[in-house]
N, C-alpha and C. Protein backbone atom coordinates (compact mmCIF):
# COMPACT_ATOMS: atom_id res chain seq x y z
N MET A 1 9.57 14.22 -6.03
CA MET A 1 9.85 15.65 -5.78
C MET A 1 8.55 16.43 -5.55
N LEU A 2 7.53 16.13 -6.40
CA LEU A 2 6.25 16.82 -6.25
C LEU A 2 5.61 16.50 -4.91
N VAL A 3 5.69 15.21 -4.50
CA VAL A 3 5.13 14.81 -3.20
C VAL A 3 5.83 15.55 -2.08
N LEU A 4 7.16 15.71 -2.18
CA LEU A 4 7.92 16.42 -1.15
C LEU A 4 7.48 17.87 -1.06
N LEU A 5 7.27 18.50 -2.22
CA LEU A 5 6.83 19.89 -2.23
C LEU A 5 5.44 20.03 -1.61
N LEU A 6 4.55 19.08 -1.93
CA LEU A 6 3.22 19.11 -1.35
C LEU A 6 3.27 18.95 0.16
N GLN A 7 4.16 18.06 0.62
CA GLN A 7 4.27 17.81 2.05
C GLN A 7 4.77 19.06 2.76
N GLN A 8 5.76 19.73 2.16
CA GLN A 8 6.30 20.94 2.78
C GLN A 8 5.28 22.06 2.76
N ALA A 9 4.48 22.14 1.68
CA ALA A 9 3.52 23.23 1.55
C ALA A 9 2.33 23.06 2.48
N CYS A 10 1.88 21.82 2.67
CA CYS A 10 0.63 21.58 3.39
C CYS A 10 0.81 21.03 4.79
N ASP A 11 1.97 20.43 5.07
CA ASP A 11 2.21 19.77 6.35
C ASP A 11 1.20 18.65 6.60
N ILE A 12 0.56 18.15 5.55
CA ILE A 12 -0.39 17.05 5.67
C ILE A 12 0.35 15.76 5.39
N ASN A 13 0.01 14.70 6.09
CA ASN A 13 0.63 13.41 5.85
C ASN A 13 0.17 12.91 4.49
N VAL A 14 1.04 13.07 3.49
CA VAL A 14 0.67 12.74 2.11
C VAL A 14 0.41 11.25 1.96
N ASP A 15 1.17 10.42 2.68
CA ASP A 15 0.97 8.98 2.58
C ASP A 15 -0.44 8.60 3.02
N GLU A 16 -0.90 9.16 4.13
CA GLU A 16 -2.25 8.86 4.61
C GLU A 16 -3.29 9.36 3.62
N TYR A 17 -3.05 10.52 3.03
CA TYR A 17 -3.97 11.08 2.04
C TYR A 17 -4.08 10.17 0.83
N LEU A 18 -2.92 9.73 0.31
CA LEU A 18 -2.92 8.89 -0.89
C LEU A 18 -3.54 7.52 -0.61
N GLN A 19 -3.28 6.97 0.57
CA GLN A 19 -3.89 5.68 0.92
C GLN A 19 -5.40 5.80 1.05
N SER A 20 -5.85 6.99 1.43
CA SER A 20 -7.28 7.22 1.59
C SER A 20 -7.99 7.29 0.24
N ILE A 21 -7.38 7.98 -0.73
CA ILE A 21 -8.06 8.15 -2.02
C ILE A 21 -7.71 7.06 -3.01
N ILE A 22 -6.58 6.36 -2.79
CA ILE A 22 -6.19 5.24 -3.65
C ILE A 22 -5.90 4.05 -2.75
N PRO A 23 -6.93 3.42 -2.20
CA PRO A 23 -6.72 2.34 -1.24
C PRO A 23 -6.09 1.11 -1.88
N GLU A 24 -5.44 0.30 -1.03
CA GLU A 24 -4.84 -0.94 -1.50
C GLU A 24 -5.93 -1.89 -2.02
N PRO A 25 -5.63 -2.65 -3.08
CA PRO A 25 -6.61 -3.64 -3.56
C PRO A 25 -6.92 -4.68 -2.48
N VAL A 26 -8.16 -5.11 -2.42
CA VAL A 26 -8.60 -6.10 -1.43
C VAL A 26 -9.30 -7.24 -2.16
N THR A 27 -8.87 -8.46 -1.86
CA THR A 27 -9.52 -9.65 -2.40
C THR A 27 -9.87 -10.57 -1.23
N ILE A 28 -11.12 -10.98 -1.15
CA ILE A 28 -11.59 -11.87 -0.08
C ILE A 28 -12.38 -13.01 -0.71
N LEU A 29 -12.01 -14.23 -0.38
CA LEU A 29 -12.65 -15.43 -0.92
C LEU A 29 -12.67 -15.41 -2.45
N GLY A 30 -11.59 -14.93 -3.02
CA GLY A 30 -11.47 -14.91 -4.47
C GLY A 30 -12.21 -13.78 -5.15
N GLN A 31 -12.90 -12.95 -4.37
CA GLN A 31 -13.66 -11.83 -4.93
C GLN A 31 -12.85 -10.56 -4.84
N ASP A 32 -12.51 -9.97 -5.99
CA ASP A 32 -11.82 -8.68 -6.00
C ASP A 32 -12.83 -7.59 -5.66
N LEU A 33 -12.56 -6.87 -4.59
CA LEU A 33 -13.47 -5.82 -4.16
C LEU A 33 -13.08 -4.48 -4.77
N ARG A 34 -14.06 -3.72 -5.16
CA ARG A 34 -13.81 -2.35 -5.57
C ARG A 34 -13.56 -1.50 -4.32
N PRO A 35 -12.90 -0.35 -4.45
CA PRO A 35 -12.77 0.52 -3.28
C PRO A 35 -14.15 0.81 -2.69
N PHE A 36 -14.28 0.70 -1.37
CA PHE A 36 -15.56 0.90 -0.72
C PHE A 36 -16.05 2.32 -0.99
N SER A 37 -17.28 2.45 -1.42
CA SER A 37 -17.81 3.73 -1.88
C SER A 37 -19.07 4.12 -1.11
N LEU A 38 -19.52 5.33 -1.36
CA LEU A 38 -20.77 5.80 -0.76
C LEU A 38 -21.93 4.92 -1.22
N GLY A 39 -21.91 4.52 -2.50
CA GLY A 39 -22.96 3.64 -3.02
C GLY A 39 -22.98 2.30 -2.30
N HIS A 40 -21.80 1.73 -2.04
CA HIS A 40 -21.73 0.48 -1.30
C HIS A 40 -22.34 0.65 0.10
N TYR A 41 -21.97 1.75 0.75
CA TYR A 41 -22.47 2.00 2.10
C TYR A 41 -24.00 2.07 2.11
N LEU A 42 -24.56 2.78 1.15
CA LEU A 42 -26.01 2.95 1.12
C LEU A 42 -26.72 1.62 0.82
N LEU A 43 -26.16 0.85 -0.11
CA LEU A 43 -26.78 -0.44 -0.44
C LEU A 43 -26.73 -1.39 0.76
N LEU A 44 -25.58 -1.47 1.42
CA LEU A 44 -25.47 -2.38 2.57
C LEU A 44 -26.36 -1.93 3.72
N THR A 45 -26.51 -0.61 3.87
CA THR A 45 -27.42 -0.10 4.90
C THR A 45 -28.86 -0.44 4.56
N ARG A 46 -29.20 -0.26 3.29
CA ARG A 46 -30.57 -0.58 2.83
C ARG A 46 -30.88 -2.05 3.03
N LEU A 47 -29.87 -2.91 2.86
CA LEU A 47 -30.05 -4.36 2.98
C LEU A 47 -29.86 -4.85 4.42
N ASP A 48 -29.66 -3.90 5.35
CA ASP A 48 -29.52 -4.21 6.77
C ASP A 48 -28.33 -5.16 7.01
N CYS A 49 -27.26 -4.94 6.29
CA CYS A 49 -26.06 -5.76 6.46
C CYS A 49 -25.39 -5.40 7.79
N ALA A 50 -25.05 -6.42 8.56
CA ALA A 50 -24.53 -6.19 9.92
C ALA A 50 -23.20 -5.44 9.92
N PHE A 51 -22.45 -5.46 8.83
CA PHE A 51 -21.14 -4.81 8.80
C PHE A 51 -21.24 -3.28 8.83
N VAL A 52 -22.41 -2.73 8.54
CA VAL A 52 -22.59 -1.28 8.62
C VAL A 52 -23.62 -0.93 9.70
N SER A 53 -23.88 -1.87 10.60
CA SER A 53 -24.80 -1.65 11.70
C SER A 53 -24.07 -1.81 13.03
N GLU A 54 -24.37 -0.94 13.97
CA GLU A 54 -23.70 -1.00 15.27
C GLU A 54 -24.36 -2.02 16.20
N ASN A 55 -25.53 -2.48 15.85
CA ASN A 55 -26.31 -3.29 16.80
C ASN A 55 -26.46 -4.75 16.38
N LYS A 56 -25.70 -5.19 15.34
CA LYS A 56 -25.83 -6.56 14.87
C LYS A 56 -24.48 -7.23 14.75
N GLU A 57 -24.44 -8.51 15.07
CA GLU A 57 -23.24 -9.31 14.87
C GLU A 57 -23.29 -9.91 13.47
N PRO A 58 -22.23 -9.73 12.68
CA PRO A 58 -22.25 -10.26 11.31
C PRO A 58 -22.34 -11.78 11.28
N LEU A 59 -23.16 -12.29 10.37
CA LEU A 59 -23.27 -13.71 10.11
C LEU A 59 -22.66 -14.00 8.74
N LEU A 60 -22.57 -15.26 8.39
CA LEU A 60 -21.99 -15.63 7.10
C LEU A 60 -22.74 -14.98 5.95
N GLY A 61 -24.06 -14.92 6.07
CA GLY A 61 -24.86 -14.29 5.02
C GLY A 61 -24.51 -12.83 4.81
N ASP A 62 -24.21 -12.12 5.92
CA ASP A 62 -23.80 -10.72 5.81
C ASP A 62 -22.50 -10.59 5.04
N LEU A 63 -21.57 -11.50 5.31
CA LEU A 63 -20.27 -11.46 4.63
C LEU A 63 -20.44 -11.72 3.14
N LEU A 64 -21.18 -12.75 2.77
CA LEU A 64 -21.36 -13.08 1.36
C LEU A 64 -22.10 -11.97 0.63
N LEU A 65 -23.11 -11.39 1.28
CA LEU A 65 -23.85 -10.27 0.68
C LEU A 65 -22.92 -9.07 0.49
N GLY A 66 -22.11 -8.78 1.50
CA GLY A 66 -21.19 -7.65 1.42
C GLY A 66 -20.18 -7.82 0.30
N LEU A 67 -19.66 -9.02 0.16
CA LEU A 67 -18.68 -9.28 -0.91
C LEU A 67 -19.32 -9.14 -2.29
N LEU A 68 -20.55 -9.59 -2.40
CA LEU A 68 -21.26 -9.47 -3.68
C LEU A 68 -21.46 -8.00 -4.05
N VAL A 69 -21.92 -7.21 -3.08
CA VAL A 69 -22.17 -5.78 -3.34
C VAL A 69 -20.88 -5.05 -3.65
N CYS A 70 -19.86 -5.27 -2.83
CA CYS A 70 -18.63 -4.48 -2.95
C CYS A 70 -17.71 -4.96 -4.07
N GLY A 71 -18.05 -6.08 -4.68
CA GLY A 71 -17.31 -6.52 -5.85
C GLY A 71 -17.82 -5.88 -7.12
N ASN A 72 -18.86 -5.05 -7.00
CA ASN A 72 -19.49 -4.43 -8.17
C ASN A 72 -19.63 -2.93 -7.98
N THR A 73 -19.92 -2.25 -9.07
CA THR A 73 -20.26 -0.83 -8.98
C THR A 73 -21.62 -0.71 -8.31
N PHE A 74 -21.97 0.51 -7.94
CA PHE A 74 -23.28 0.77 -7.33
C PHE A 74 -24.40 0.30 -8.27
N GLU A 75 -24.26 0.64 -9.56
CA GLU A 75 -25.28 0.26 -10.53
C GLU A 75 -25.28 -1.25 -10.78
N GLY A 76 -24.08 -1.83 -10.89
CA GLY A 76 -23.99 -3.26 -11.14
C GLY A 76 -24.54 -4.09 -9.99
N ALA A 77 -24.28 -3.65 -8.76
CA ALA A 77 -24.79 -4.36 -7.59
C ALA A 77 -26.31 -4.31 -7.56
N GLN A 78 -26.88 -3.17 -7.93
CA GLN A 78 -28.34 -3.08 -7.95
C GLN A 78 -28.95 -4.04 -8.95
N GLU A 79 -28.30 -4.17 -10.12
CA GLU A 79 -28.79 -5.11 -11.12
C GLU A 79 -28.77 -6.54 -10.59
N LEU A 80 -27.66 -6.90 -9.92
CA LEU A 80 -27.57 -8.25 -9.36
C LEU A 80 -28.63 -8.49 -8.29
N LEU A 81 -28.84 -7.48 -7.44
CA LEU A 81 -29.79 -7.64 -6.34
C LEU A 81 -31.23 -7.76 -6.83
N ARG A 82 -31.49 -7.31 -8.03
CA ARG A 82 -32.85 -7.41 -8.59
C ARG A 82 -33.15 -8.80 -9.14
N ARG A 83 -32.12 -9.61 -9.31
CA ARG A 83 -32.31 -10.93 -9.89
C ARG A 83 -33.04 -11.85 -8.92
N GLY A 84 -34.02 -12.57 -9.40
CA GLY A 84 -34.78 -13.47 -8.55
C GLY A 84 -33.98 -14.66 -8.08
N GLU A 85 -32.90 -15.00 -8.81
CA GLU A 85 -32.10 -16.17 -8.45
C GLU A 85 -30.91 -15.80 -7.57
N LEU A 86 -30.93 -14.62 -6.99
CA LEU A 86 -29.76 -14.14 -6.25
C LEU A 86 -29.37 -15.10 -5.13
N GLY A 87 -30.34 -15.56 -4.36
CA GLY A 87 -30.04 -16.45 -3.24
C GLY A 87 -29.35 -17.72 -3.71
N GLU A 88 -29.82 -18.27 -4.81
CA GLU A 88 -29.20 -19.48 -5.36
C GLU A 88 -27.79 -19.20 -5.87
N ASP A 89 -27.62 -18.02 -6.47
CA ASP A 89 -26.29 -17.64 -6.97
C ASP A 89 -25.28 -17.54 -5.83
N ILE A 90 -25.70 -16.93 -4.73
CA ILE A 90 -24.80 -16.79 -3.58
C ILE A 90 -24.47 -18.15 -3.00
N LYS A 91 -25.47 -19.01 -2.92
CA LYS A 91 -25.25 -20.36 -2.38
C LYS A 91 -24.27 -21.15 -3.24
N ALA A 92 -24.44 -21.06 -4.56
CA ALA A 92 -23.55 -21.77 -5.48
C ALA A 92 -22.12 -21.24 -5.37
N TRP A 93 -22.00 -19.91 -5.25
CA TRP A 93 -20.68 -19.30 -5.14
C TRP A 93 -19.99 -19.75 -3.86
N ALA A 94 -20.74 -19.76 -2.75
CA ALA A 94 -20.18 -20.18 -1.46
C ALA A 94 -19.70 -21.63 -1.53
N GLU A 95 -20.44 -22.47 -2.22
CA GLU A 95 -20.04 -23.87 -2.34
C GLU A 95 -18.77 -24.02 -3.16
N ASN A 96 -18.61 -23.19 -4.17
CA ASN A 96 -17.42 -23.24 -5.02
C ASN A 96 -16.17 -22.76 -4.28
N VAL A 97 -16.36 -21.87 -3.32
CA VAL A 97 -15.23 -21.33 -2.56
C VAL A 97 -14.59 -22.42 -1.72
N GLY A 98 -15.40 -23.33 -1.21
CA GLY A 98 -14.88 -24.38 -0.34
C GLY A 98 -14.83 -23.93 1.11
N GLU A 99 -14.10 -24.68 1.92
CA GLU A 99 -14.01 -24.37 3.34
C GLU A 99 -13.14 -23.14 3.58
N PHE A 100 -13.52 -22.34 4.55
CA PHE A 100 -12.73 -21.16 4.91
C PHE A 100 -13.06 -20.76 6.34
N GLU A 101 -12.18 -19.96 6.94
CA GLU A 101 -12.38 -19.47 8.30
C GLU A 101 -13.23 -18.20 8.23
N ALA A 102 -14.50 -18.33 8.57
CA ALA A 102 -15.44 -17.22 8.42
C ALA A 102 -15.06 -16.02 9.26
N ASP A 103 -14.64 -16.24 10.51
CA ASP A 103 -14.29 -15.11 11.38
C ASP A 103 -13.12 -14.31 10.82
N GLU A 104 -12.16 -15.03 10.26
CA GLU A 104 -10.99 -14.35 9.69
C GLU A 104 -11.38 -13.49 8.50
N LYS A 105 -12.23 -14.03 7.62
CA LYS A 105 -12.66 -13.28 6.44
C LYS A 105 -13.56 -12.11 6.83
N ALA A 106 -14.39 -12.33 7.85
CA ALA A 106 -15.25 -11.25 8.33
C ALA A 106 -14.42 -10.10 8.89
N LYS A 107 -13.34 -10.44 9.58
CA LYS A 107 -12.46 -9.41 10.13
C LYS A 107 -11.81 -8.60 9.01
N LEU A 108 -11.38 -9.27 7.96
CA LEU A 108 -10.78 -8.57 6.82
C LEU A 108 -11.79 -7.64 6.16
N PHE A 109 -13.03 -8.11 6.03
CA PHE A 109 -14.06 -7.29 5.39
C PHE A 109 -14.41 -6.09 6.26
N ALA A 110 -14.47 -6.29 7.57
CA ALA A 110 -14.75 -5.18 8.49
C ALA A 110 -13.63 -4.14 8.41
N GLU A 111 -12.38 -4.58 8.33
CA GLU A 111 -11.25 -3.65 8.22
C GLU A 111 -11.32 -2.85 6.92
N TYR A 112 -11.72 -3.52 5.86
CA TYR A 112 -11.88 -2.87 4.54
C TYR A 112 -12.91 -1.75 4.63
N ILE A 113 -14.03 -2.00 5.31
CA ILE A 113 -15.08 -0.98 5.44
C ILE A 113 -14.66 0.13 6.41
N ASN A 114 -14.12 -0.26 7.55
CA ASN A 114 -13.78 0.74 8.57
C ASN A 114 -12.70 1.71 8.09
N ALA A 115 -11.76 1.21 7.29
CA ALA A 115 -10.73 2.10 6.75
C ALA A 115 -11.34 3.17 5.87
N ALA A 116 -12.36 2.79 5.10
CA ALA A 116 -13.01 3.76 4.20
C ALA A 116 -13.89 4.74 4.97
N LEU A 117 -14.46 4.30 6.07
CA LEU A 117 -15.35 5.17 6.85
C LEU A 117 -14.59 6.20 7.70
N GLU A 118 -13.27 6.02 7.81
CA GLU A 118 -12.48 6.95 8.61
C GLU A 118 -12.26 8.25 7.84
N MET A 119 -12.86 9.30 8.30
CA MET A 119 -12.78 10.57 7.59
C MET A 119 -11.59 11.39 8.06
N PRO A 120 -11.08 12.32 7.20
CA PRO A 120 -9.98 13.20 7.63
C PRO A 120 -10.40 14.05 8.82
N LYS A 121 -9.44 14.38 9.66
CA LYS A 121 -9.73 15.23 10.82
C LYS A 121 -9.86 16.68 10.35
N PHE A 122 -10.79 17.39 10.95
CA PHE A 122 -10.99 18.80 10.59
C PHE A 122 -11.57 19.52 11.80
N TRP A 123 -11.53 20.84 11.74
CA TRP A 123 -12.17 21.64 12.78
C TRP A 123 -12.92 22.79 12.13
N VAL A 124 -14.05 23.15 12.73
CA VAL A 124 -14.88 24.23 12.21
C VAL A 124 -14.33 25.55 12.72
N LYS A 125 -14.15 26.50 11.81
CA LYS A 125 -13.62 27.80 12.20
C LYS A 125 -14.62 28.56 13.06
N PRO A 126 -14.13 29.28 14.08
CA PRO A 126 -15.04 30.06 14.94
C PRO A 126 -15.89 31.03 14.12
N GLY A 127 -17.17 31.05 14.42
CA GLY A 127 -18.07 31.96 13.73
C GLY A 127 -18.56 31.46 12.39
N GLU A 128 -18.13 30.22 11.99
CA GLU A 128 -18.53 29.71 10.70
C GLU A 128 -19.58 28.61 10.79
N SER A 129 -20.09 28.34 11.98
CA SER A 129 -21.11 27.30 12.10
C SER A 129 -22.41 27.80 11.48
N SER A 130 -23.25 26.85 11.08
CA SER A 130 -24.47 27.22 10.35
C SER A 130 -25.62 27.52 11.31
N GLY A 131 -25.43 28.55 12.13
CA GLY A 131 -26.53 29.01 12.96
C GLY A 131 -26.89 28.08 14.09
N GLY A 132 -26.08 27.05 14.32
CA GLY A 132 -26.36 26.15 15.42
C GLY A 132 -27.42 25.12 15.14
N GLU A 133 -28.04 25.15 13.95
CA GLU A 133 -29.07 24.20 13.62
C GLU A 133 -28.45 22.96 12.97
N LYS A 134 -28.88 21.81 13.44
CA LYS A 134 -28.40 20.56 12.88
C LYS A 134 -29.15 20.25 11.60
N ALA A 135 -28.41 19.83 10.57
CA ALA A 135 -29.04 19.52 9.29
C ALA A 135 -29.98 18.33 9.46
N GLY A 136 -31.09 18.36 8.75
CA GLY A 136 -32.04 17.26 8.83
C GLY A 136 -31.68 16.11 7.91
N ALA A 137 -30.94 16.40 6.83
CA ALA A 137 -30.58 15.36 5.86
C ALA A 137 -29.52 14.44 6.42
N PRO A 138 -29.59 13.13 6.13
CA PRO A 138 -28.52 12.21 6.55
C PRO A 138 -27.21 12.62 5.90
N TRP A 139 -26.09 12.27 6.55
CA TRP A 139 -24.79 12.71 6.03
C TRP A 139 -24.51 12.24 4.59
N PRO A 140 -24.92 11.02 4.17
CA PRO A 140 -24.66 10.66 2.78
C PRO A 140 -25.38 11.58 1.79
N GLN A 141 -26.58 12.00 2.16
CA GLN A 141 -27.34 12.89 1.28
C GLN A 141 -26.70 14.27 1.21
N ALA A 142 -26.24 14.77 2.35
CA ALA A 142 -25.59 16.08 2.36
C ALA A 142 -24.32 16.05 1.50
N MET A 143 -23.54 14.98 1.62
CA MET A 143 -22.33 14.85 0.80
C MET A 143 -22.67 14.78 -0.68
N ARG A 144 -23.65 13.95 -1.00
CA ARG A 144 -24.02 13.74 -2.40
C ARG A 144 -24.48 15.04 -3.06
N VAL A 145 -25.36 15.76 -2.37
CA VAL A 145 -25.90 17.00 -2.94
C VAL A 145 -24.79 18.04 -3.12
N LYS A 146 -23.90 18.17 -2.14
CA LYS A 146 -22.85 19.17 -2.23
C LYS A 146 -21.89 18.86 -3.37
N LEU A 147 -21.51 17.58 -3.51
CA LEU A 147 -20.56 17.22 -4.56
C LEU A 147 -21.17 17.38 -5.94
N ILE A 148 -22.47 17.10 -6.08
CA ILE A 148 -23.13 17.25 -7.38
C ILE A 148 -23.37 18.72 -7.70
N SER A 149 -23.91 19.46 -6.72
CA SER A 149 -24.31 20.85 -6.99
C SER A 149 -23.13 21.82 -7.01
N GLU A 150 -22.16 21.62 -6.14
CA GLU A 150 -21.04 22.56 -6.05
C GLU A 150 -19.75 22.02 -6.65
N GLY A 151 -19.61 20.70 -6.67
CA GLY A 151 -18.37 20.12 -7.20
C GLY A 151 -18.45 19.68 -8.64
N GLY A 152 -19.67 19.65 -9.20
CA GLY A 152 -19.83 19.26 -10.59
C GLY A 152 -19.70 17.76 -10.84
N PHE A 153 -19.82 16.95 -9.79
CA PHE A 153 -19.72 15.51 -9.94
C PHE A 153 -21.00 14.96 -10.55
N SER A 154 -20.86 13.85 -11.30
CA SER A 154 -22.04 13.14 -11.76
C SER A 154 -22.55 12.26 -10.62
N PRO A 155 -23.85 11.95 -10.58
CA PRO A 155 -24.35 11.06 -9.54
C PRO A 155 -23.61 9.73 -9.49
N SER A 156 -23.26 9.18 -10.65
CA SER A 156 -22.55 7.90 -10.68
C SER A 156 -21.17 8.01 -10.06
N ALA A 157 -20.46 9.11 -10.34
CA ALA A 157 -19.12 9.30 -9.78
C ALA A 157 -19.18 9.37 -8.26
N VAL A 158 -20.16 10.08 -7.73
CA VAL A 158 -20.28 10.21 -6.28
C VAL A 158 -20.52 8.84 -5.64
N MET A 159 -21.34 8.01 -6.29
CA MET A 159 -21.68 6.72 -5.73
C MET A 159 -20.56 5.68 -5.87
N ASN A 160 -19.66 5.88 -6.83
CA ASN A 160 -18.69 4.82 -7.14
C ASN A 160 -17.24 5.12 -6.79
N GLN A 161 -16.86 6.38 -6.59
CA GLN A 161 -15.46 6.65 -6.28
C GLN A 161 -15.16 6.20 -4.85
N PRO A 162 -13.88 5.95 -4.54
CA PRO A 162 -13.53 5.53 -3.17
C PRO A 162 -14.10 6.49 -2.14
N LEU A 163 -14.65 5.96 -1.07
CA LEU A 163 -15.26 6.82 -0.05
C LEU A 163 -14.23 7.77 0.55
N GLY A 164 -12.97 7.32 0.67
CA GLY A 164 -11.92 8.23 1.14
C GLY A 164 -11.80 9.46 0.27
N GLN A 165 -11.90 9.27 -1.06
CA GLN A 165 -11.87 10.40 -1.98
C GLN A 165 -13.09 11.30 -1.78
N THR A 166 -14.24 10.67 -1.53
CA THR A 166 -15.46 11.45 -1.32
C THR A 166 -15.37 12.30 -0.07
N TRP A 167 -14.81 11.73 1.02
CA TRP A 167 -14.60 12.53 2.23
C TRP A 167 -13.74 13.76 1.92
N TRP A 168 -12.61 13.53 1.25
CA TRP A 168 -11.69 14.63 0.96
C TRP A 168 -12.32 15.68 0.05
N ASP A 169 -13.06 15.24 -0.97
CA ASP A 169 -13.70 16.20 -1.88
C ASP A 169 -14.73 17.04 -1.14
N TYR A 170 -15.53 16.40 -0.30
CA TYR A 170 -16.58 17.10 0.43
C TYR A 170 -15.97 18.12 1.41
N LEU A 171 -14.98 17.68 2.18
CA LEU A 171 -14.38 18.58 3.16
C LEU A 171 -13.59 19.70 2.49
N THR A 172 -12.94 19.39 1.36
CA THR A 172 -12.17 20.43 0.66
C THR A 172 -13.09 21.50 0.09
N LEU A 173 -14.26 21.12 -0.43
CA LEU A 173 -15.22 22.11 -0.90
C LEU A 173 -15.62 23.04 0.24
N ASN A 174 -15.84 22.48 1.42
CA ASN A 174 -16.17 23.29 2.58
C ASN A 174 -15.00 24.15 3.03
N GLU A 175 -13.78 23.59 2.94
CA GLU A 175 -12.60 24.36 3.34
C GLU A 175 -12.38 25.54 2.41
N LEU A 176 -12.58 25.34 1.11
CA LEU A 176 -12.39 26.43 0.14
C LEU A 176 -13.39 27.57 0.37
N LYS A 177 -14.54 27.23 0.96
CA LYS A 177 -15.53 28.27 1.29
C LYS A 177 -15.26 28.90 2.65
N GLY A 178 -14.21 28.42 3.34
CA GLY A 178 -13.84 29.00 4.63
C GLY A 178 -14.64 28.48 5.80
N ALA A 179 -15.41 27.38 5.60
CA ALA A 179 -16.26 26.88 6.68
C ALA A 179 -15.52 26.02 7.67
N LEU A 180 -14.40 25.43 7.24
CA LEU A 180 -13.65 24.55 8.12
C LEU A 180 -12.20 24.52 7.69
N LYS A 181 -11.38 23.86 8.51
CA LYS A 181 -9.96 23.69 8.21
C LYS A 181 -9.62 22.22 8.41
N ILE A 182 -9.13 21.59 7.35
CA ILE A 182 -8.68 20.21 7.46
C ILE A 182 -7.39 20.21 8.26
N ASN A 183 -7.32 19.34 9.26
CA ASN A 183 -6.15 19.31 10.14
C ASN A 183 -4.88 18.96 9.39
N ASP A 184 -3.84 19.73 9.63
CA ASP A 184 -2.50 19.36 9.20
C ASP A 184 -1.63 19.27 10.45
N ASP A 185 -0.37 18.92 10.28
CA ASP A 185 0.50 18.75 11.44
C ASP A 185 0.63 20.04 12.24
N THR A 186 0.70 21.19 11.55
CA THR A 186 0.85 22.47 12.23
C THR A 186 -0.39 22.78 13.06
N THR A 187 -1.57 22.57 12.46
CA THR A 187 -2.81 22.81 13.19
C THR A 187 -2.91 21.94 14.42
N SER A 188 -2.58 20.67 14.28
CA SER A 188 -2.65 19.75 15.41
C SER A 188 -1.74 20.20 16.55
N GLU A 189 -0.55 20.67 16.20
CA GLU A 189 0.40 21.12 17.22
C GLU A 189 -0.12 22.37 17.92
N LEU A 190 -0.69 23.31 17.15
CA LEU A 190 -1.23 24.53 17.74
C LEU A 190 -2.40 24.21 18.68
N LEU A 191 -3.26 23.29 18.24
CA LEU A 191 -4.39 22.91 19.09
C LEU A 191 -3.92 22.22 20.37
N ARG A 192 -2.87 21.41 20.26
CA ARG A 192 -2.32 20.75 21.45
C ARG A 192 -1.79 21.78 22.43
N ARG A 193 -1.06 22.76 21.92
CA ARG A 193 -0.51 23.80 22.80
C ARG A 193 -1.63 24.63 23.44
N HIS A 194 -2.69 24.88 22.65
CA HIS A 194 -3.80 25.64 23.18
C HIS A 194 -4.48 24.88 24.32
N ARG A 195 -4.68 23.56 24.12
CA ARG A 195 -5.30 22.75 25.18
C ARG A 195 -4.45 22.76 26.44
N GLU A 196 -3.13 22.63 26.26
CA GLU A 196 -2.23 22.63 27.42
C GLU A 196 -2.28 23.96 28.15
N ALA A 197 -2.34 25.06 27.37
CA ALA A 197 -2.42 26.39 27.98
C ALA A 197 -3.71 26.55 28.77
N GLN A 198 -4.83 26.06 28.18
CA GLN A 198 -6.11 26.16 28.85
C GLN A 198 -6.12 25.33 30.14
N GLU A 199 -5.51 24.16 30.07
CA GLU A 199 -5.45 23.31 31.26
C GLU A 199 -4.63 23.98 32.37
N GLY A 200 -3.56 24.72 31.95
CA GLY A 200 -2.73 25.43 32.92
C GLY A 200 -3.48 26.56 33.59
N ILE A 201 -4.36 27.24 32.80
CA ILE A 201 -5.15 28.33 33.35
C ILE A 201 -6.18 27.81 34.34
N ASN A 202 -6.77 26.64 34.02
CA ASN A 202 -7.83 26.08 34.85
C ASN A 202 -7.32 25.40 36.13
N ASP A 203 -6.04 25.06 36.15
CA ASP A 203 -5.48 24.38 37.34
C ASP A 203 -5.35 25.33 38.54
């Protein structure tokens, strides 16, 4: 009943919202993965993992590294990565897994990451842009600072909660300040009609 009321009040696809902040559990090669988080993204980027790079083809090592990182919290993964025997640990784990189809598992892992990286649709309200200047800080830093300074989040929470939740929290803070509007079904329909009207004027 509550979900129905929310759907009627917001016209937002509640199922998509819930799947974004409470993603389905993912297990690959026997490793239970935590929901992909901002901390996971930063660690994999720092480690030059091909799954978060547009210019590299993932290799088996990228997959095993990604599974190791995403099976742990941000803090736990850092502790593991500091271990001098990490390479041997990964090798031993891979041997215990046995034979598997690497391309199939890599595809599952890529889907797990890409689903988390998909942010809610939104539009910036006219006259609310920040002076036309592009921020110098990378987007993860901008999100982190806003959630800690304005949302009251702890640094650990920002790094470990599902990235889908982080997207929604960040955009909602901006929406409450009137800087943007998260797309709902009504907004999408109005924008579609506006585009059609503009196209009719230009024809």
